[in-house]
């Protein structure tokens, strides 16, 4: 048995805090519900941040410039879903969340939402005032839930969508952490050797006055450049980065960059699988929530990260508007994988396209995980080999010069 801290609310909307002994979090939820409480947040009593966890998995990536992280957005959606499902009115649910929210920017936003809702605005209209936190997908799903009177169902779908999307992001991001660490370590080690270790041999070689082997000359040249012009190298790197970001921020530059990515054999398959999973899950979730297909495609077009694929979706949207269905235009774009097109065509023919889209997303989520594992299994030894070759070249060049100076055959 472990001790857990909880925040809950009773049927009147009063927020209650306390601790309870249970085997795990689901057991805490069951106990609280038997006591007539609606659980909102649960965490272990030990560890100061336990209470910051909600019942389900949350997103950790930030939402830029809003002061509200995706984790906070996930908490808000989860808590509101729990309260609405328990039968509390929307305004009461929002007021409860205001009491328990620690993030001040989010609290201010929820207060504005509450003010608008109590002032007669719909919840979806209130959300549109905060586009940096609530994107078009979020707003349109809420709007569909309001129109169909199924707000609790839509909120649950939003929670599931955000969780699945985050799992896909986490798969890619977490897999890249170790290779990035290797790259940083490799860069630091090589820089230290070139800037601090190799220059110590320069004076020795100059004093001997003997011809230095070509590999050692190349090494010493790189070392002198690194030591005397490191600021220029850093400045050049920053200038290249700035120029690249400015270029890809333009419409033509972004199109050229995204096109180039789809031509690289190593990353093309992974990019397509990630984007197909995102396309399918977003479209399936929107259609299931009652958003019209044309409107859903317009939203998906903005969610997809690759411009080439986004333009293909625009072509599909135009064809759907002309009554040509969705699977045939998908095939004509020559972008989407055959498996995805066949599964969507089957869903279209059986009238069960939204469920089939979710199946496609689940399939490609697994494909992405497998592809990332294969890519990392290739990348890690390649980086280690590259580091070994560079360090080996440095060491052998110095040893070669020493043997040459002493007239010893190498």
Protein backbone atom coordinates (compact mmCIF):
# COMPACT_ATOMS: atom_id res chain seq x y z
CA UNK A 1 0.00 0.00 0.00
CA UNK A 2 1.25 3.49 -0.87
CA UNK A 3 0.07 6.94 0.08
CA UNK A 4 -1.34 9.15 -2.67
CA UNK A 5 -2.28 12.82 -2.70
CA UNK A 6 -5.42 13.75 -4.59
CA UNK A 7 -7.51 16.66 -5.72
CA UNK A 8 -11.18 15.95 -6.32
CA UNK A 9 -14.53 17.66 -6.36
CA UNK A 10 -17.92 16.71 -4.96
CA UNK A 11 -21.21 16.97 -6.82
CA UNK A 12 -21.65 20.59 -5.73
CA UNK A 13 -18.32 21.50 -7.32
CA UNK A 14 -16.34 22.01 -4.11
CA UNK A 15 -12.64 21.20 -4.51
CA UNK A 16 -11.32 18.70 -1.97
CA UNK A 17 -7.68 17.85 -1.29
CA UNK A 18 -6.30 15.03 0.81
CA UNK A 19 -4.32 11.81 0.95
CA UNK A 20 -5.38 8.20 0.74
CA UNK A 21 -3.70 4.78 0.96
CA UNK A 22 -4.08 2.47 -2.02
CA UNK A 23 -2.17 -0.01 -4.16
CA UNK A 24 -2.07 2.19 -7.26
CA UNK A 25 -3.74 5.17 -8.95
CA UNK A 26 -6.72 3.22 -10.40
CA UNK A 27 -7.45 2.00 -6.86
CA UNK A 28 -7.40 5.63 -5.67
CA UNK A 29 -9.87 6.55 -8.41
CA UNK A 30 -12.20 3.72 -7.35
CA UNK A 31 -12.06 4.71 -3.68
CA UNK A 32 -12.76 8.36 -4.44
CA UNK A 33 -15.72 7.49 -6.64
CA UNK A 34 -17.16 5.25 -3.92
CA UNK A 35 -16.86 8.24 -1.58
CA UNK A 36 -18.90 10.30 -4.05
CA UNK A 37 -15.99 12.40 -5.28
CA UNK A 38 -14.88 13.17 -8.84
CA UNK A 39 -11.07 12.65 -9.06
CA UNK A 40 -9.19 15.37 -10.91
CA UNK A 41 -5.51 14.93 -10.04
CA UNK A 42 -3.68 12.08 -8.34
CA UNK A 43 -0.01 11.68 -7.45
CA UNK A 44 2.26 9.87 -4.97
CA UNK A 45 2.67 11.53 -1.58
CA UNK A 46 6.47 11.32 -1.84
CA UNK A 47 8.20 13.56 -4.39
CA UNK A 48 7.14 17.17 -4.52
CA UNK A 49 5.83 17.03 -8.04
CA UNK A 50 3.50 14.09 -7.62
CA UNK A 51 0.38 16.22 -7.52
CA UNK A 52 1.29 17.82 -10.81
CA UNK A 53 0.50 14.55 -12.55
CA UNK A 54 -2.96 13.83 -13.78
CA UNK A 55 -4.58 10.43 -14.03
CA UNK A 56 -3.56 9.80 -17.63
CA UNK A 57 -0.37 10.33 -19.61
CA UNK A 58 0.34 13.92 -20.53
CA UNK A 59 2.24 15.77 -23.17
CA UNK A 60 5.57 17.36 -22.30
CA UNK A 61 6.39 19.35 -25.41
CA UNK A 62 5.80 23.11 -25.22
CA UNK A 63 3.29 25.16 -27.15
CA UNK A 64 5.45 28.02 -28.47
CA UNK A 65 4.98 31.62 -27.34
CA UNK A 66 1.76 31.03 -25.38
CA UNK A 67 3.19 30.40 -21.92
CA UNK A 68 1.06 27.24 -21.92
CA UNK A 69 2.81 23.93 -22.54
CA UNK A 70 1.20 21.01 -24.30
CA UNK A 71 1.32 19.24 -20.93
CA UNK A 72 -0.84 22.00 -19.44
CA UNK A 73 -3.22 21.79 -22.39
CA UNK A 74 -3.48 18.06 -21.89
CA UNK A 75 -4.20 18.50 -18.17
CA UNK A 76 -6.89 21.06 -18.93
CA UNK A 77 -8.58 18.82 -21.48
CA UNK A 78 -8.39 15.76 -19.23
CA UNK A 79 -9.78 17.60 -16.21
CA UNK A 80 -12.56 19.28 -18.18
CA UNK A 81 -13.49 15.92 -19.73
CA UNK A 82 -13.68 14.33 -16.27
CA UNK A 83 -15.88 17.10 -14.87
CA UNK A 84 -18.23 17.28 -17.87
CA UNK A 85 -18.59 13.50 -17.91
CA UNK A 86 -19.53 13.63 -14.21
CA UNK A 87 -22.44 15.90 -15.08
CA UNK A 88 -21.12 19.32 -14.00
CA UNK A 89 -22.08 22.34 -16.13
CA UNK A 90 -19.37 23.80 -18.34
CA UNK A 91 -19.03 27.05 -16.39
CA UNK A 92 -18.75 25.19 -13.08
CA UNK A 93 -16.15 22.87 -14.56
CA UNK A 94 -14.09 25.82 -15.77
CA UNK A 95 -14.29 27.56 -12.40
CA UNK A 96 -13.05 24.39 -10.65
CA UNK A 97 -10.11 24.08 -13.04
CA UNK A 98 -9.20 27.72 -12.34
CA UNK A 99 -8.90 26.85 -8.64
CA UNK A 100 -6.54 23.93 -9.19
CA UNK A 101 -4.43 25.24 -12.10
CA UNK A 102 -0.87 26.23 -11.19
CA UNK A 103 0.11 27.70 -14.56
CA UNK A 104 -0.69 31.41 -14.38
CA UNK A 105 -0.95 32.10 -18.16
CA UNK A 106 -3.34 29.15 -18.50
CA UNK A 107 -5.33 30.32 -15.48
CA UNK A 108 -5.78 33.74 -17.10
CA UNK A 109 -6.95 32.10 -20.33
CA UNK A 110 -9.46 29.86 -18.51
CA UNK A 111 -10.78 32.90 -16.63
CA UNK A 112 -11.37 34.60 -19.97
CA UNK A 113 -13.06 31.45 -21.30
CA UNK A 114 -15.33 31.37 -18.23
CA UNK A 115 -16.19 35.05 -18.64
CA UNK A 116 -17.09 34.55 -22.31
CA UNK A 117 -19.16 31.42 -21.63
CA UNK A 118 -21.09 33.12 -18.83
CA UNK A 119 -21.52 36.12 -21.15
CA UNK A 120 -23.44 33.97 -23.62
CA UNK A 121 -20.73 32.86 -26.05
CA UNK A 122 -20.37 29.26 -27.09
CA UNK A 123 -17.33 27.43 -25.76
CA UNK A 124 -15.90 27.02 -29.26
CA UNK A 125 -16.24 30.75 -29.98
CA UNK A 126 -14.47 31.50 -26.70
CA UNK A 127 -11.63 29.17 -27.66
CA UNK A 128 -11.08 30.92 -31.00
CA UNK A 129 -9.80 33.98 -29.09
CA UNK A 130 -6.72 31.96 -28.06
CA UNK A 131 -5.37 30.37 -31.27
CA UNK A 132 -1.86 29.89 -29.86
CA UNK A 133 -3.23 27.45 -27.29
CA UNK A 134 -6.30 25.98 -29.01
CA UNK A 135 -5.66 25.22 -32.68
CA UNK A 136 -8.30 24.79 -35.39
CA UNK A 137 -8.54 21.07 -34.81
CA UNK A 138 -9.31 21.59 -31.12
CA UNK A 139 -11.86 24.34 -31.79
CA UNK A 140 -13.66 22.48 -34.56
CA UNK A 141 -13.96 19.30 -32.52
CA UNK A 142 -15.47 21.30 -29.66
CA UNK A 143 -17.82 22.99 -32.12
CA UNK A 144 -18.93 19.60 -33.44
CA UNK A 145 -19.47 18.39 -29.86
CA UNK A 146 -21.63 21.42 -29.09
CA UNK A 147 -23.70 20.92 -32.25
CA UNK A 148 -24.29 17.23 -31.49
CA UNK A 149 -24.73 17.61 -27.74
CA UNK A 150 -21.87 15.20 -27.10
CA UNK A 151 -19.27 17.46 -25.52
CA UNK A 152 -18.12 14.76 -23.08
CA UNK A 153 -17.51 12.30 -25.92
CA UNK A 154 -15.59 14.86 -27.99
CA UNK A 155 -13.41 15.81 -25.02
CA UNK A 156 -12.55 12.14 -24.49
CA UNK A 157 -11.60 11.86 -28.16
CA UNK A 158 -9.46 14.98 -27.85
CA UNK A 159 -7.65 13.48 -24.88
CA UNK A 160 -7.03 10.25 -26.78
CA UNK A 161 -5.90 12.17 -29.88
CA UNK A 162 -3.44 14.32 -27.92
CA UNK A 163 -2.05 11.27 -26.14
CA UNK A 164 -1.55 9.28 -29.35
CA UNK A 165 -0.01 12.26 -31.13
CA UNK A 166 2.41 12.80 -28.26
CA UNK A 167 3.38 9.14 -28.21
CA UNK A 168 4.31 9.42 -31.89
CA UNK A 169 6.38 12.57 -31.24
CA UNK A 170 8.04 11.01 -28.21
CA UNK A 171 9.03 7.94 -30.23
CA UNK A 172 10.99 10.10 -32.67
CA UNK A 173 12.38 12.62 -30.14
CA UNK A 174 13.48 10.06 -27.54
CA UNK A 175 15.15 7.92 -30.17
CA UNK A 176 17.26 10.88 -31.30
CA UNK A 177 18.55 11.81 -27.83
CA UNK A 178 21.43 9.30 -27.75
CA UNK A 179 22.68 10.08 -31.28
CA UNK A 180 22.62 13.80 -30.46
CA UNK A 181 24.64 13.14 -27.30
CA UNK A 182 27.15 11.20 -29.40
CA UNK A 183 27.43 14.08 -31.87
CA UNK A 184 27.99 16.61 -29.08
CA UNK A 185 30.59 14.44 -27.35
CA UNK A 186 32.34 13.76 -30.66
CA UNK A 187 32.46 17.47 -31.48
CA UNK A 188 33.78 18.41 -28.03
CA UNK A 189 36.48 15.72 -28.00
CA UNK A 190 37.74 16.55 -31.48
CA UNK A 191 37.68 20.31 -30.78
CA UNK A 192 39.69 19.86 -27.57
CA UNK A 193 42.27 17.75 -29.37
CA UNK A 194 42.63 20.22 -32.24
CA UNK A 195 42.69 23.37 -30.10
CA UNK A 196 44.67 22.26 -27.03
CA UNK A 197 46.53 19.00 -27.73
CA UNK A 198 47.78 19.20 -31.31
CA UNK A 199 49.26 22.77 -31.06
CA UNK A 200 51.69 21.50 -28.40
CA UNK A 201 53.42 19.47 -31.10
CA UNK A 202 53.77 22.42 -33.48
CA UNK A 203 56.76 23.93 -31.67
CA UNK A 204 58.43 20.52 -31.45
CA UNK A 205 58.10 19.94 -35.18
CA UNK A 206 59.26 23.51 -35.99
CA UNK A 207 62.35 23.09 -33.79
CA UNK A 208 63.39 19.87 -35.52
CA UNK A 209 63.27 21.62 -38.90
CA UNK A 210 62.49 18.37 -40.71
CA UNK A 211 59.87 17.83 -43.35
CA UNK A 212 56.55 16.78 -41.84
CA UNK A 213 54.40 14.09 -43.50
CA UNK A 214 51.39 15.35 -45.48
CA UNK A 215 48.71 13.92 -43.08
CA UNK A 216 50.38 15.72 -40.19
CA UNK A 217 50.57 18.97 -42.20
CA UNK A 218 46.83 18.72 -42.88
CA UNK A 219 46.16 18.06 -39.19
CA UNK A 220 48.30 21.02 -38.07
CA UNK A 221 46.56 23.30 -40.58
CA UNK A 222 43.15 22.33 -39.22
CA UNK A 223 44.44 22.83 -35.69
CA UNK A 224 45.74 26.33 -36.41
CA UNK A 225 42.48 27.30 -38.11
CA UNK A 226 40.46 26.00 -35.14
CA UNK A 227 42.71 27.75 -32.62
CA UNK A 228 43.03 31.14 -34.33
CA UNK A 229 39.71 31.43 -36.17
CA UNK A 230 37.27 29.59 -33.90
CA UNK A 231 35.17 32.74 -33.66
CA UNK A 232 34.96 32.91 -37.45
CA UNK A 233 33.91 29.25 -37.65
CA UNK A 234 31.17 29.78 -35.05
CA UNK A 235 30.04 32.96 -36.81
CA UNK A 236 29.95 31.18 -40.16
CA UNK A 237 27.91 28.35 -38.62
CA UNK A 238 25.43 30.77 -37.08
CA UNK A 239 25.19 32.70 -40.36
CA UNK A 240 24.47 29.46 -42.26
CA UNK A 241 21.83 28.49 -39.70
CA UNK A 242 20.21 31.93 -39.88
CA UNK A 243 20.28 31.91 -43.68
CA UNK A 244 18.80 28.42 -43.80
CA UNK A 245 15.97 29.27 -41.38
CA UNK A 246 15.18 32.44 -43.34
CA UNK A 247 15.17 30.46 -46.59
CA UNK A 248 12.86 27.70 -45.35
CA UNK A 249 10.54 30.32 -43.83
CA UNK A 250 9.72 31.46 -47.36
CA UNK A 251 7.10 29.59 -49.37
CA UNK A 252 9.51 28.57 -52.12
CA UNK A 253 12.28 27.64 -49.70
CA UNK A 254 10.01 25.47 -47.57
CA UNK A 255 8.68 23.69 -50.65
CA UNK A 256 12.20 23.02 -51.96
CA UNK A 257 13.40 21.78 -48.56
CA UNK A 258 10.41 19.47 -48.04
CA UNK A 259 10.76 18.17 -51.60
CA UNK A 260 14.45 17.45 -51.00
CA UNK A 261 13.62 15.49 -47.82
CA UNK A 262 11.24 13.26 -49.76
CA UNK A 263 14.04 12.47 -52.22
CA UNK A 264 16.46 11.23 -49.55
CA UNK A 265 16.25 7.46 -49.34
CA UNK A 266 17.22 7.34 -45.65
CA UNK A 267 14.47 9.67 -44.40
CA UNK A 268 11.76 9.53 -47.09
CA UNK A 269 10.11 6.41 -45.72
CA UNK A 270 10.15 7.71 -42.14
CA UNK A 271 8.73 11.13 -43.09
CA UNK A 272 5.93 9.54 -45.12
CA UNK A 273 4.99 7.19 -42.30
CA UNK A 274 4.95 9.99 -39.72
CA UNK A 275 2.83 12.23 -41.94
CA UNK A 276 0.42 9.45 -42.97
CA UNK A 277 -0.11 8.54 -39.31
CA UNK A 278 -0.75 12.21 -38.48
CA UNK A 279 -3.06 12.67 -41.48
CA UNK A 280 -5.08 9.55 -40.76
CA UNK A 281 -5.49 10.10 -37.01
CA UNK A 282 -6.43 13.75 -37.38
CA UNK A 283 -8.90 13.14 -40.21
CA UNK A 284 -10.40 10.10 -38.52
CA UNK A 285 -10.82 11.91 -35.21
CA UNK A 286 -12.44 14.93 -36.86
CA UNK A 287 -14.89 12.86 -38.92
CA UNK A 288 -15.80 10.70 -35.92
CA UNK A 289 -16.50 13.89 -33.96
CA UNK A 290 -18.94 15.10 -36.61
CA UNK A 291 -16.78 17.57 -38.56
CA UNK A 292 -17.71 17.57 -42.29
CA UNK A 293 -15.14 15.91 -44.56
CA UNK A 294 -14.24 19.03 -46.55
CA UNK A 295 -13.76 21.08 -43.40
CA UNK A 296 -11.77 18.23 -41.83
CA UNK A 297 -9.44 18.05 -44.85
CA UNK A 298 -8.85 21.81 -44.62
CA UNK A 299 -7.79 21.39 -40.99
CA UNK A 300 -5.62 18.35 -41.71
CA UNK A 301 -3.85 20.31 -44.45
CA UNK A 302 -2.62 22.73 -41.76
CA UNK A 303 -1.65 19.98 -39.30
CA UNK A 304 0.60 18.08 -41.73
CA UNK A 305 4.20 19.26 -41.47
CA UNK A 306 5.49 18.59 -45.00
CA UNK A 307 4.40 21.15 -47.62
CA UNK A 308 4.48 18.63 -50.48
CA UNK A 309 2.06 16.37 -48.64
CA UNK A 310 -0.02 19.38 -47.57
CA UNK A 311 -0.37 20.40 -51.24
CA UNK A 312 -1.44 16.84 -52.04
CA UNK A 313 -4.16 17.08 -49.41
CA UNK A 314 -5.34 20.34 -51.02
CA UNK A 315 -5.64 18.42 -54.30
CA UNK A 316 -7.62 15.68 -52.53
CA UNK A 317 -9.88 18.31 -50.96
CA UNK A 318 -10.61 19.80 -54.38
CA UNK A 319 -11.43 16.36 -55.81
CA UNK A 320 -13.74 15.55 -52.88
CA UNK A 321 -15.55 18.83 -53.49
CA UNK A 322 -16.12 17.66 -57.05
CA UNK A 323 -17.61 14.40 -55.79
CA UNK A 324 -14.72 12.09 -56.68
CA UNK A 325 -14.35 10.49 -53.26
CA UNK A 326 -11.11 10.39 -51.31
CA UNK A 327 -9.27 7.15 -52.15
CA UNK A 328 -8.93 7.78 -55.92
CA UNK A 329 -7.50 11.32 -55.52
CA UNK A 330 -5.10 9.94 -52.90
CA UNK A 331 -3.81 7.42 -55.41
CA UNK A 332 -3.44 10.10 -58.08
CA UNK A 333 -1.16 12.21 -55.87
CA UNK A 334 1.42 9.38 -55.90
CA UNK A 335 2.47 10.39 -52.40
CA UNK A 336 0.60 8.10 -50.02
CA UNK A 337 1.77 4.49 -49.48
CA UNK A 338 -0.26 1.72 -51.12
CA UNK A 339 -1.28 0.12 -47.82
CA UNK A 340 -2.81 3.36 -46.55
CA UNK A 341 -4.70 3.95 -49.81
CA UNK A 342 -6.11 0.41 -49.90
CA UNK A 343 -7.25 0.54 -46.27
CA UNK A 344 -8.93 3.92 -46.79
CA UNK A 345 -10.59 2.68 -49.99
CA UNK A 346 -12.01 -0.30 -48.11
CA UNK A 347 -13.32 2.06 -45.41
CA UNK A 348 -14.84 4.31 -48.05
CA UNK A 349 -16.56 1.40 -49.79
CA UNK A 350 -17.95 -0.05 -46.55
CA UNK A 351 -19.05 3.33 -45.17
CA UNK A 352 -16.71 2.95 -42.21
CA UNK A 353 -13.96 5.32 -43.26
CA UNK A 354 -13.43 7.04 -39.89
CA UNK A 355 -12.67 3.75 -38.13
CA UNK A 356 -10.42 2.65 -40.97
CA UNK A 357 -8.52 5.95 -40.77
CA UNK A 358 -7.82 5.32 -37.08
CA UNK A 359 -6.62 1.80 -37.98
CA UNK A 360 -4.31 3.28 -40.62
CA UNK A 361 -2.94 5.68 -37.99
CA UNK A 362 -2.35 2.84 -35.51
CA UNK A 363 -0.65 0.78 -38.22
CA UNK A 364 1.70 3.57 -39.23
CA UNK A 365 2.41 4.53 -35.62
CA UNK A 366 3.85 1.03 -35.22
CA UNK A 367 5.65 1.37 -38.56
CA UNK A 368 7.22 4.64 -37.38
CA UNK A 369 8.45 3.00 -34.18
CA UNK A 370 10.03 0.16 -36.17
CA UNK A 371 11.52 2.55 -38.75
CA UNK A 372 13.01 4.76 -36.04
CA UNK A 373 14.56 1.73 -34.33
CA UNK A 374 16.11 0.60 -37.62
CA UNK A 375 17.39 4.10 -38.39
CA UNK A 376 18.92 4.52 -34.94
CA UNK A 377 20.46 1.03 -35.09
CA UNK A 378 22.28 2.24 -38.22
CA UNK A 379 23.04 5.79 -37.03
CA UNK A 380 24.62 4.96 -33.65
CA UNK A 381 27.41 2.66 -34.93
CA UNK A 382 27.96 5.01 -37.89
CA UNK A 383 28.58 7.93 -35.53
CA UNK A 384 30.85 5.85 -33.30
CA UNK A 385 32.80 4.68 -36.37
CA UNK A 386 33.11 8.27 -37.64
CA UNK A 387 34.38 9.49 -34.26
CA UNK A 388 36.87 6.62 -34.10
CA UNK A 389 38.17 7.40 -37.60
CA UNK A 390 38.64 11.11 -36.86
CA UNK A 391 40.36 10.54 -33.51
CA UNK A 392 42.42 7.75 -35.06
CA UNK A 393 43.54 10.06 -37.88
CA UNK A 394 44.65 12.69 -35.33
CA UNK A 395 46.62 10.20 -33.26
CA UNK A 396 48.20 8.42 -36.22
CA UNK A 397 49.19 11.72 -37.86
CA UNK A 398 51.08 12.77 -34.73
CA UNK A 399 52.73 9.35 -34.30
CA UNK A 400 53.67 9.28 -37.98
CA UNK A 401 55.40 12.66 -37.64
CA UNK A 402 57.28 11.54 -34.51
CA UNK A 403 58.55 8.40 -36.24
CA UNK A 404 59.49 10.45 -39.31
CA UNK A 405 61.50 12.92 -37.22
CA UNK A 406 63.44 10.08 -35.59
CA UNK A 407 64.12 8.46 -39.00
CA UNK A 408 62.28 5.32 -37.97
CA UNK A 409 60.38 3.49 -40.65
CA UNK A 410 56.65 3.54 -39.98
